[in-house]
């Protein structure tokens, strides 16, 4: 999955497929590498498909794969 660096602690998954908004990740580069090891970013992209979502699907620094 493509992730673009926006600033030192902001990253973005651009809109693609049926995403209504981009996903915005707030984390250090070290944390992003950890977050990429599970399905957290896939889940963030899935949230971005939801009807009624506005602006971004947000991922905070304590992100982890949900159940």
PDB file of N, CA and C in Angstrom:
ATOM      1  N   UNK A   1       0.853  -1.171   0.000  1.00  0.00           N
ATOM      2  CA  UNK A   1       0.000   0.000   0.000  1.00  0.00           C
ATOM      3  C   UNK A   1       0.903   1.240   0.000  1.00  0.00           C
ATOM      4  N   UNK A   2       0.551   2.194  -0.815  1.00  0.00           N
ATOM      5  CA  UNK A   2       1.343   3.424  -0.935  1.00  0.00           C
ATOM      6  C   UNK A   2       1.085   4.342   0.261  1.00  0.00           C
ATOM      7  N   UNK A   3       2.168   4.809   0.878  1.00  0.00           N
ATOM      8  CA  UNK A   3       2.081   5.768   1.975  1.00  0.00           C
ATOM      9  C   UNK A   3       2.988   6.943   1.628  1.00  0.00           C
ATOM     10  N   UNK A   4       2.427   8.144   1.688  1.00  0.00           N
ATOM     11  CA  UNK A   4       3.198   9.353   1.382  1.00  0.00           C
ATOM     12  C   UNK A   4       3.476  10.126   2.664  1.00  0.00           C
ATOM     13  N   UNK A   5       4.702  10.617   2.798  1.00  0.00           N
ATOM     14  CA  UNK A   5       5.062  11.428   3.956  1.00  0.00           C
ATOM     15  C   UNK A   5       4.571  12.857   3.732  1.00  0.00           C
ATOM     16  N   UNK A   6       3.802  13.382   4.676  1.00  0.00           N
ATOM     17  CA  UNK A   6       3.241  14.729   4.586  1.00  0.00           C
ATOM     18  C   UNK A   6       4.112  15.701   5.379  1.00  0.00           C
ATOM     19  N   UNK A   7       4.526  15.284   6.575  1.00  0.00           N
ATOM     20  CA  UNK A   7       5.429  16.064   7.421  1.00  0.00           C
ATOM     21  C   UNK A   7       6.158  15.070   8.321  1.00  0.00           C
ATOM     22  N   UNK A   8       6.927  15.576   9.263  1.00  0.00           N
ATOM     23  CA  UNK A   8       7.744  14.682  10.088  1.00  0.00           C
ATOM     24  C   UNK A   8       6.926  13.591  10.781  1.00  0.00           C
ATOM     25  N   UNK A   9       5.722  13.923  11.232  1.00  0.00           N
ATOM     26  CA  UNK A   9       4.898  12.954  11.949  1.00  0.00           C
ATOM     27  C   UNK A   9       3.531  12.720  11.309  1.00  0.00           C
ATOM     28  N   UNK A  10       3.383  13.088  10.048  1.00  0.00           N
ATOM     29  CA  UNK A  10       2.125  12.859   9.330  1.00  0.00           C
ATOM     30  C   UNK A  10       2.398  12.099   8.039  1.00  0.00           C
ATOM     31  N   UNK A  11       1.569  11.099   7.787  1.00  0.00           N
ATOM     32  CA  UNK A  11       1.671  10.264   6.595  1.00  0.00           C
ATOM     33  C   UNK A  11       0.283  10.133   6.009  1.00  0.00           C
ATOM     34  N   UNK A  12       0.192   9.784   4.743  1.00  0.00           N
ATOM     35  CA  UNK A  12      -1.120   9.684   4.110  1.00  0.00           C
ATOM     36  C   UNK A  12      -1.184   8.512   3.146  1.00  0.00           C
ATOM     37  N   UNK A  13      -2.298   7.819   3.200  1.00  0.00           N
ATOM     38  CA  UNK A  13      -2.639   6.834   2.188  1.00  0.00           C
ATOM     39  C   UNK A  13      -3.588   7.564   1.245  1.00  0.00           C
ATOM     40  N   UNK A  14      -3.154   7.849   0.020  1.00  0.00           N
ATOM     41  CA  UNK A  14      -4.021   8.585  -0.914  1.00  0.00           C
ATOM     42  C   UNK A  14      -5.293   7.790  -1.247  1.00  0.00           C
ATOM     43  N   UNK A  15      -6.335   8.543  -1.606  1.00  0.00           N
ATOM     44  CA  UNK A  15      -7.578   7.899  -2.043  1.00  0.00           C
ATOM     45  C   UNK A  15      -7.291   6.988  -3.220  1.00  0.00           C
ATOM     46  N   UNK A  16      -7.828   5.796  -3.163  1.00  0.00           N
ATOM     47  CA  UNK A  16      -7.743   4.854  -4.281  1.00  0.00           C
ATOM     48  C   UNK A  16      -8.923   3.893  -4.167  1.00  0.00           C
ATOM     49  N   UNK A  17      -9.221   3.236  -5.251  1.00  0.00           N
ATOM     50  CA  UNK A  17     -10.365   2.336  -5.242  1.00  0.00           C
ATOM     51  C   UNK A  17     -11.626   3.089  -4.858  1.00  0.00           C
ATOM     52  N   UNK A  18     -12.368   2.553  -3.920  1.00  0.00           N
ATOM     53  CA  UNK A  18     -13.616   3.180  -3.487  1.00  0.00           C
ATOM     54  C   UNK A  18     -13.477   4.082  -2.274  1.00  0.00           C
ATOM     55  N   UNK A  19     -12.249   4.426  -1.903  1.00  0.00           N
ATOM     56  CA  UNK A  19     -12.061   5.294  -0.734  1.00  0.00           C
ATOM     57  C   UNK A  19     -12.722   6.649  -0.981  1.00  0.00           C
ATOM     58  N   UNK A  20     -13.486   7.112  -0.016  1.00  0.00           N
ATOM     59  CA  UNK A  20     -14.140   8.421  -0.129  1.00  0.00           C
ATOM     60  C   UNK A  20     -13.210   9.549   0.314  1.00  0.00           C
ATOM     61  N   UNK A  21     -12.272   9.225   1.192  1.00  0.00           N
ATOM     62  CA  UNK A  21     -11.309  10.199   1.725  1.00  0.00           C
ATOM     63  C   UNK A  21      -9.953   9.510   1.850  1.00  0.00           C
ATOM     64  N   UNK A  22      -8.864  10.270   1.947  1.00  0.00           N
ATOM     65  CA  UNK A  22      -7.570   9.649   2.225  1.00  0.00           C
ATOM     66  C   UNK A  22      -7.498   9.212   3.691  1.00  0.00           C
ATOM     67  N   UNK A  23      -6.527   8.393   4.019  1.00  0.00           N
ATOM     68  CA  UNK A  23      -6.262   8.017   5.409  1.00  0.00           C
ATOM     69  C   UNK A  23      -5.044   8.812   5.875  1.00  0.00           C
ATOM     70  N   UNK A  24      -5.116   9.384   7.057  1.00  0.00           N
ATOM     71  CA  UNK A  24      -4.019  10.193   7.596  1.00  0.00           C
ATOM     72  C   UNK A  24      -3.467   9.483   8.832  1.00  0.00           C
ATOM     73  N   UNK A  25      -2.162   9.248   8.845  1.00  0.00           N
ATOM     74  CA  UNK A  25      -1.492   8.543   9.934  1.00  0.00           C
ATOM     75  C   UNK A  25      -0.625   9.542  10.702  1.00  0.00           C
ATOM     76  N   UNK A  26      -0.758   9.554  12.019  1.00  0.00           N
ATOM     77  CA  UNK A  26       0.054  10.412  12.880  1.00  0.00           C
ATOM     78  C   UNK A  26       1.001   9.511  13.667  1.00  0.00           C
ATOM     79  N   UNK A  27       2.273   9.484  13.255  1.00  0.00           N
ATOM     80  CA  UNK A  27       3.255   8.618  13.910  1.00  0.00           C
ATOM     81  C   UNK A  27       4.652   8.966  13.418  1.00  0.00           C
ATOM     82  N   UNK A  28       5.643   8.575  14.203  1.00  0.00           N
ATOM     83  CA  UNK A  28       7.033   8.732  13.767  1.00  0.00           C
ATOM     84  C   UNK A  28       7.335   7.680  12.698  1.00  0.00           C
ATOM     85  N   UNK A  29       8.442   7.855  12.021  1.00  0.00           N
ATOM     86  CA  UNK A  29       8.830   6.879  10.997  1.00  0.00           C
ATOM     87  C   UNK A  29       9.023   5.493  11.618  1.00  0.00           C
ATOM     88  N   UNK A  30       9.586   5.455  12.811  1.00  0.00           N
ATOM     89  CA  UNK A  30       9.795   4.183  13.518  1.00  0.00           C
ATOM     90  C   UNK A  30       8.450   3.501  13.795  1.00  0.00           C
ATOM     91  N   UNK A  31       7.458   4.265  14.255  1.00  0.00           N
ATOM     92  CA  UNK A  31       6.138   3.694  14.520  1.00  0.00           C
ATOM     93  C   UNK A  31       5.441   3.252  13.242  1.00  0.00           C
ATOM     94  N   UNK A  32       5.604   4.004  12.169  1.00  0.00           N
ATOM     95  CA  UNK A  32       4.983   3.628  10.897  1.00  0.00           C
ATOM     96  C   UNK A  32       5.507   2.267  10.445  1.00  0.00           C
ATOM     97  N   UNK A  33       6.794   2.026  10.617  1.00  0.00           N
ATOM     98  CA  UNK A  33       7.368   0.728  10.246  1.00  0.00           C
ATOM     99  C   UNK A  33       6.722  -0.404  11.040  1.00  0.00           C
ATOM    100  N   UNK A  34       6.436  -0.162  12.320  1.00  0.00           N
ATOM    101  CA  UNK A  34       5.746  -1.165  13.141  1.00  0.00           C
ATOM    102  C   UNK A  34       4.300  -1.349  12.685  1.00  0.00           C
ATOM    103  N   UNK A  35       3.622  -0.223  12.429  1.00  0.00           N
ATOM    104  CA  UNK A  35       2.219  -0.256  12.018  1.00  0.00           C
ATOM    105  C   UNK A  35       2.066  -1.025  10.700  1.00  0.00           C
ATOM    106  N   UNK A  36       3.043  -0.935   9.827  1.00  0.00           N
ATOM    107  CA  UNK A  36       2.981  -1.614   8.526  1.00  0.00           C
ATOM    108  C   UNK A  36       3.069  -3.131   8.650  1.00  0.00           C
ATOM    109  N   UNK A  37       3.443  -3.647   9.805  1.00  0.00           N
ATOM    110  CA  UNK A  37       3.639  -5.087   9.976  1.00  0.00           C
ATOM    111  C   UNK A  37       2.342  -5.864  10.169  1.00  0.00           C
ATOM    112  N   UNK A  38       1.250  -5.179  10.437  1.00  0.00           N
ATOM    113  CA  UNK A  38      -0.032  -5.878  10.545  1.00  0.00           C
ATOM    114  C   UNK A  38      -1.043  -5.239   9.583  1.00  0.00           C
ATOM    115  N   UNK A  39      -2.312  -5.421   9.807  1.00  0.00           N
ATOM    116  CA  UNK A  39      -3.337  -4.943   8.869  1.00  0.00           C
ATOM    117  C   UNK A  39      -3.930  -3.590   9.254  1.00  0.00           C
ATOM    118  N   UNK A  40      -3.247  -2.842  10.117  1.00  0.00           N
ATOM    119  CA  UNK A  40      -3.752  -1.551  10.570  1.00  0.00           C
ATOM    120  C   UNK A  40      -4.043  -0.607   9.408  1.00  0.00           C
ATOM    121  N   UNK A  41      -3.129  -0.515   8.461  1.00  0.00           N
ATOM    122  CA  UNK A  41      -3.308   0.412   7.342  1.00  0.00           C
ATOM    123  C   UNK A  41      -4.411  -0.054   6.393  1.00  0.00           C
ATOM    124  N   UNK A  42      -4.574  -1.351   6.261  1.00  0.00           N
ATOM    125  CA  UNK A  42      -5.687  -1.887   5.454  1.00  0.00           C
ATOM    126  C   UNK A  42      -7.003  -1.497   6.111  1.00  0.00           C
ATOM    127  N   UNK A  43      -7.061  -1.603   7.438  1.00  0.00           N
ATOM    128  CA  UNK A  43      -8.275  -1.228   8.156  1.00  0.00           C
ATOM    129  C   UNK A  43      -8.547   0.272   8.025  1.00  0.00           C
ATOM    130  N   UNK A  44      -7.498   1.084   8.063  1.00  0.00           N
ATOM    131  CA  UNK A  44      -7.669   2.533   7.887  1.00  0.00           C
ATOM    132  C   UNK A  44      -8.238   2.838   6.505  1.00  0.00           C
ATOM    133  N   UNK A  45      -7.748   2.142   5.497  1.00  0.00           N
ATOM    134  CA  UNK A  45      -8.265   2.319   4.134  1.00  0.00           C
ATOM    135  C   UNK A  45      -9.717   1.845   4.054  1.00  0.00           C
ATOM    136  N   UNK A  46     -10.041   0.766   4.738  1.00  0.00           N
ATOM    137  CA  UNK A  46     -11.427   0.279   4.747  1.00  0.00           C
ATOM    138  C   UNK A  46     -12.369   1.294   5.388  1.00  0.00           C
ATOM    139  N   UNK A  47     -11.944   1.919   6.474  1.00  0.00           N
ATOM    140  CA  UNK A  47     -12.757   2.952   7.138  1.00  0.00           C
ATOM    141  C   UNK A  47     -13.004   4.110   6.172  1.00  0.00           C
ATOM    142  N   UNK A  48     -12.025   4.421   5.346  1.00  0.00           N
ATOM    143  CA  UNK A  48     -12.152   5.529   4.392  1.00  0.00           C
ATOM    144  C   UNK A  48     -13.218   5.268   3.325  1.00  0.00           C
ATOM    145  N   UNK A  49     -13.717   4.048   3.239  1.00  0.00           N
ATOM    146  CA  UNK A  49     -14.794   3.701   2.302  1.00  0.00           C
ATOM    147  C   UNK A  49     -16.186   3.968   2.884  1.00  0.00           C
ATOM    148  N   UNK A  50     -16.274   4.186   4.186  1.00  0.00           N
ATOM    149  CA  UNK A  50     -17.576   4.262   4.847  1.00  0.00           C
ATOM    150  C   UNK A  50     -18.392   5.474   4.414  1.00  0.00           C
ATOM    151  N   UNK A  51     -19.665   5.228   4.236  1.00  0.00           N
ATOM    152  CA  UNK A  51     -20.591   6.298   3.880  1.00  0.00           C
ATOM    153  C   UNK A  51     -20.643   7.309   5.024  1.00  0.00           C
ATOM    154  N   UNK A  52     -20.591   8.579   4.695  1.00  0.00           N
ATOM    155  CA  UNK A  52     -20.683   9.629   5.689  1.00  0.00           C
ATOM    156  C   UNK A  52     -19.349  10.092   6.257  1.00  0.00           C
ATOM    157  N   UNK A  53     -18.258   9.400   5.929  1.00  0.00           N
ATOM    158  CA  UNK A  53     -16.948   9.824   6.451  1.00  0.00           C
ATOM    159  C   UNK A  53     -16.576  11.165   5.827  1.00  0.00           C
ATOM    160  N   UNK A  54     -15.910  11.998   6.618  1.00  0.00           N
ATOM    161  CA  UNK A  54     -15.547  13.322   6.123  1.00  0.00           C
ATOM    162  C   UNK A  54     -14.074  13.595   6.367  1.00  0.00           C
ATOM    163  N   UNK A  55     -13.435  14.161   5.420  1.00  0.00           N
ATOM    164  CA  UNK A  55     -12.051  14.630   5.430  1.00  0.00           C
ATOM    165  C   UNK A  55     -11.009  13.517   5.418  1.00  0.00           C
ATOM    166  N   UNK A  56     -10.854  12.739   6.507  1.00  0.00           N
ATOM    167  CA  UNK A  56      -9.840  11.688   6.580  1.00  0.00           C
ATOM    168  C   UNK A  56     -10.328  10.515   7.423  1.00  0.00           C
ATOM    169  N   UNK A  57      -9.695   9.380   7.208  1.00  0.00           N
ATOM    170  CA  UNK A  57      -9.724   8.268   8.146  1.00  0.00           C
ATOM    171  C   UNK A  57      -8.438   8.432   8.953  1.00  0.00           C
ATOM    172  N   UNK A  58      -8.543   8.618  10.268  1.00  0.00           N
ATOM    173  CA  UNK A  58      -7.366   8.928  11.083  1.00  0.00           C
ATOM    174  C   UNK A  58      -6.787   7.701  11.769  1.00  0.00           C
ATOM    175  N   UNK A  59      -5.452   7.651  11.807  1.00  0.00           N
ATOM    176  CA  UNK A  59      -4.721   6.602  12.518  1.00  0.00           C
ATOM    177  C   UNK A  59      -3.813   7.317  13.523  1.00  0.00           C
ATOM    178  N   UNK A  60      -4.003   7.013  14.805  1.00  0.00           N
ATOM    179  CA  UNK A  60      -3.221   7.655  15.865  1.00  0.00           C
ATOM    180  C   UNK A  60      -1.949   6.844  16.166  1.00  0.00           C
ATOM    181  N   UNK A  61      -0.982   7.435  16.890  1.00  0.00           N
ATOM    182  CA  UNK A  61       0.292   6.766  17.147  1.00  0.00           C
ATOM    183  C   UNK A  61       0.177   5.423  17.877  1.00  0.00           C
ATOM    184  N   UNK A  62      -0.906   5.202  18.611  1.00  0.00           N
ATOM    185  CA  UNK A  62      -1.059   3.932  19.330  1.00  0.00           C
ATOM    186  C   UNK A  62      -1.816   2.886  18.499  1.00  0.00           C
ATOM    187  N   UNK A  63      -1.836   3.072  17.198  1.00  0.00           N
ATOM    188  CA  UNK A  63      -2.601   2.197  16.287  1.00  0.00           C
ATOM    189  C   UNK A  63      -2.150   0.739  16.383  1.00  0.00           C
ATOM    190  N   UNK A  64      -3.126  -0.123  16.225  1.00  0.00           N
ATOM    191  CA  UNK A  64      -2.865  -1.568  16.166  1.00  0.00           C
ATOM    192  C   UNK A  64      -4.030  -2.204  15.431  1.00  0.00           C
ATOM    193  N   UNK A  65      -3.801  -3.400  14.985  1.00  0.00           N
ATOM    194  CA  UNK A  65      -4.838  -4.126  14.259  1.00  0.00           C
ATOM    195  C   UNK A  65      -6.011  -4.422  15.197  1.00  0.00           C
ATOM    196  N   UNK A  66      -7.217  -4.132  14.730  1.00  0.00           N
ATOM    197  CA  UNK A  66      -8.413  -4.413  15.530  1.00  0.00           C
ATOM    198  C   UNK A  66      -8.836  -5.861  15.401  1.00  0.00           C
ATOM    199  N   UNK A  67      -9.842  -6.220  16.142  1.00  0.00           N
ATOM    200  CA  UNK A  67     -10.314  -7.600  16.134  1.00  0.00           C
ATOM    201  C   UNK A  67     -11.702  -7.672  15.555  1.00  0.00           C
TER     202      UNK A  67
END
